[in-house]
């Protein structure tokens, strides 16, 4: 997984420098240098090309979640404390957007993975039933925590 992520980052033409620290202590340094097309305060003010941000994957599962589930996996791992980010969060967001919109020249494997993920998440009746059951079939014990004895809610 780690090498796949490094390969993904090395294939980008992201103009800013950043650092990734993996759970095993290995460090990947991305050296930027091209001028951004759009505005970037960090790039304009950083003549030494210090990393704009550092991502630290503290647990191996955090990297796997990020690669498999994208921003959702990254966000959940970040909230769980399995990923630390130091530096400019806005530039990290720019990298995320860059990877998703034209900054990456995908190979055949990435294209296949993209369509496979699209098929996996495509809404179906079976998936809708499962989602409904997961969110609404919670039982009276759950609802009795805030509903009255007739299982009604009133805001008055």
Protein backbone atom coordinates (compact mmCIF):
# COMPACT_ATOMS: atom_id res chain seq x y z
CA UNK A 1 0.00 0.00 0.00
CA UNK A 2 2.75 2.42 0.95
CA UNK A 3 4.60 1.99 -2.34
CA UNK A 4 1.37 2.41 -4.31
CA UNK A 5 0.75 5.70 -2.50
CA UNK A 6 4.31 6.89 -3.15
CA UNK A 7 3.95 5.96 -6.83
CA UNK A 8 0.70 7.92 -6.97
CA UNK A 9 2.35 10.99 -5.45
CA UNK A 10 5.41 10.75 -7.69
CA UNK A 11 3.22 10.76 -10.78
CA UNK A 12 1.62 14.07 -9.87
CA UNK A 13 2.91 17.43 -10.98
CA UNK A 14 1.80 19.16 -7.80
CA UNK A 15 3.82 22.38 -7.60
CA UNK A 16 4.33 22.57 -3.84
CA UNK A 17 6.70 20.68 -1.60
CA UNK A 18 5.20 18.48 1.10
CA UNK A 19 6.24 15.61 3.34
CA UNK A 20 4.59 12.30 4.21
CA UNK A 21 5.68 10.29 7.26
CA UNK A 22 4.52 6.69 7.29
CA UNK A 23 3.71 4.58 10.36
CA UNK A 24 7.07 2.77 10.10
CA UNK A 25 9.04 6.05 10.15
CA UNK A 26 9.82 6.17 6.42
CA UNK A 27 9.61 9.71 5.05
CA UNK A 28 8.58 10.70 1.53
CA UNK A 29 9.52 14.22 0.39
CA UNK A 30 7.70 15.70 -2.60
CA UNK A 31 9.66 18.56 -4.11
CA UNK A 32 7.50 21.13 -5.85
CA UNK A 33 8.80 24.02 -7.81
CA UNK A 34 6.49 24.83 -10.70
CA UNK A 35 4.48 27.99 -10.39
CA UNK A 36 0.81 27.44 -9.67
CA UNK A 37 -1.71 28.63 -12.23
CA UNK A 38 -4.02 29.91 -9.53
CA UNK A 39 -3.31 31.94 -6.41
CA UNK A 40 -1.33 30.32 -3.63
CA UNK A 41 -0.15 32.48 -0.77
CA UNK A 42 2.13 29.72 0.46
CA UNK A 43 3.87 29.30 -2.89
CA UNK A 44 4.27 33.05 -3.40
CA UNK A 45 5.77 33.54 0.07
CA UNK A 46 7.92 30.41 0.29
CA UNK A 47 11.19 30.93 -1.55
CA UNK A 48 13.03 28.07 0.19
CA UNK A 49 10.48 25.38 -0.73
CA UNK A 50 10.07 24.15 2.83
CA UNK A 51 7.20 21.64 2.94
CA UNK A 52 3.82 23.36 2.84
CA UNK A 53 2.46 20.58 5.06
CA UNK A 54 3.37 17.24 6.56
CA UNK A 55 0.99 14.27 6.69
CA UNK A 56 1.83 11.65 9.31
CA UNK A 57 0.12 8.29 8.93
CA UNK A 58 0.51 6.97 12.48
CA UNK A 59 -1.27 3.66 11.81
CA UNK A 60 -0.97 1.43 8.72
CA UNK A 61 -4.77 1.18 8.50
CA UNK A 62 -5.01 4.95 8.02
CA UNK A 63 -3.08 4.81 4.76
CA UNK A 64 -5.13 1.83 3.60
CA UNK A 65 -8.39 3.65 4.42
CA UNK A 66 -7.21 6.74 2.56
CA UNK A 67 -6.32 4.75 -0.54
CA UNK A 68 -9.46 2.62 -0.52
CA UNK A 69 -12.03 5.20 0.53
CA UNK A 70 -10.49 8.50 -0.52
CA UNK A 71 -11.40 11.62 1.41
CA UNK A 72 -13.92 9.73 3.56
CA UNK A 73 -11.23 7.29 4.72
CA UNK A 74 -8.75 10.12 5.27
CA UNK A 75 -11.28 12.16 7.25
CA UNK A 76 -12.29 9.29 9.51
CA UNK A 77 -8.65 8.33 10.15
CA UNK A 78 -7.87 11.97 10.94
CA UNK A 79 -10.79 12.16 13.42
CA UNK A 80 -9.65 8.88 15.01
CA UNK A 81 -6.18 10.36 15.57
CA UNK A 82 -4.51 7.93 13.16
CA UNK A 83 -3.34 10.77 10.89
CA UNK A 84 -1.69 14.03 11.93
CA UNK A 85 -1.35 17.02 9.65
CA UNK A 86 1.07 19.86 10.36
CA UNK A 87 1.27 22.97 8.24
CA UNK A 88 -1.05 24.52 5.72
CA UNK A 89 -4.33 22.58 5.63
CA UNK A 90 -5.55 24.59 2.67
CA UNK A 91 -2.60 23.39 0.59
CA UNK A 92 -3.34 19.80 1.67
CA UNK A 93 -6.86 20.37 0.33
CA UNK A 94 -5.32 21.67 -2.91
CA UNK A 95 -3.32 18.43 -3.21
CA UNK A 96 -6.49 16.42 -2.69
CA UNK A 97 -8.27 18.40 -5.40
CA UNK A 98 -5.23 18.15 -7.66
CA UNK A 99 -5.14 14.37 -7.37
CA UNK A 100 -8.84 14.20 -8.16
CA UNK A 101 -9.03 16.71 -11.01
CA UNK A 102 -6.45 16.42 -13.72
CA UNK A 103 -3.21 16.68 -11.78
CA UNK A 104 -2.66 12.97 -12.10
CA UNK A 105 -2.13 11.10 -15.33
CA UNK A 106 -3.86 7.80 -14.48
CA UNK A 107 -2.62 4.51 -15.76
CA UNK A 108 -4.84 1.57 -16.68
CA UNK A 109 -4.86 0.19 -13.12
CA UNK A 110 -6.08 3.51 -11.67
CA UNK A 111 -8.83 3.70 -14.29
CA UNK A 112 -9.97 0.15 -13.50
CA UNK A 113 -9.94 0.93 -9.75
CA UNK A 114 -11.96 4.10 -10.34
CA UNK A 115 -14.70 2.26 -12.24
CA UNK A 116 -14.69 -0.63 -9.77
CA UNK A 117 -15.21 1.83 -6.89
CA UNK A 118 -17.94 3.55 -8.90
CA UNK A 119 -19.74 0.23 -9.42
CA UNK A 120 -19.36 -0.69 -5.73
CA UNK A 121 -20.97 2.55 -4.57
CA UNK A 122 -23.67 2.79 -7.25
CA UNK A 123 -27.10 2.93 -5.60
CA UNK A 124 -29.18 -0.24 -5.91
CA UNK A 125 -32.46 -1.34 -4.34
CA UNK A 126 -30.63 -3.88 -2.21
CA UNK A 127 -28.18 -1.24 -0.95
CA UNK A 128 -31.07 1.18 -0.30
CA UNK A 129 -32.88 -1.45 1.79
CA UNK A 130 -29.72 -2.11 3.75
CA UNK A 131 -29.18 1.61 4.37
CA UNK A 132 -32.77 2.08 5.52
CA UNK A 133 -32.52 -0.86 7.91
CA UNK A 134 -29.22 0.43 9.27
CA UNK A 135 -30.57 3.92 9.96
CA UNK A 136 -34.19 3.32 10.93
CA UNK A 137 -34.59 -0.21 12.33
CA UNK A 138 -33.26 0.80 15.73
CA UNK A 139 -36.00 -0.46 18.02
CA UNK A 140 -38.11 1.13 20.75
CA UNK A 141 -35.34 1.09 23.37
CA UNK A 142 -33.41 3.58 21.29
CA UNK A 143 -36.34 5.91 20.58
CA UNK A 144 -37.66 5.78 24.15
CA UNK A 145 -34.55 7.69 25.23
CA UNK A 146 -36.13 10.96 24.07
CA UNK A 147 -39.73 10.22 23.02
CA UNK A 148 -42.63 10.24 25.45
CA UNK A 149 -44.51 7.13 26.62
CA UNK A 150 -46.64 7.21 23.43
CA UNK A 151 -43.43 7.37 21.35
CA UNK A 152 -44.22 10.88 20.16
CA UNK A 153 -42.00 13.91 19.90
CA UNK A 154 -43.18 17.43 20.41
CA UNK A 155 -41.10 20.54 20.33
CA UNK A 156 -43.50 22.47 22.60
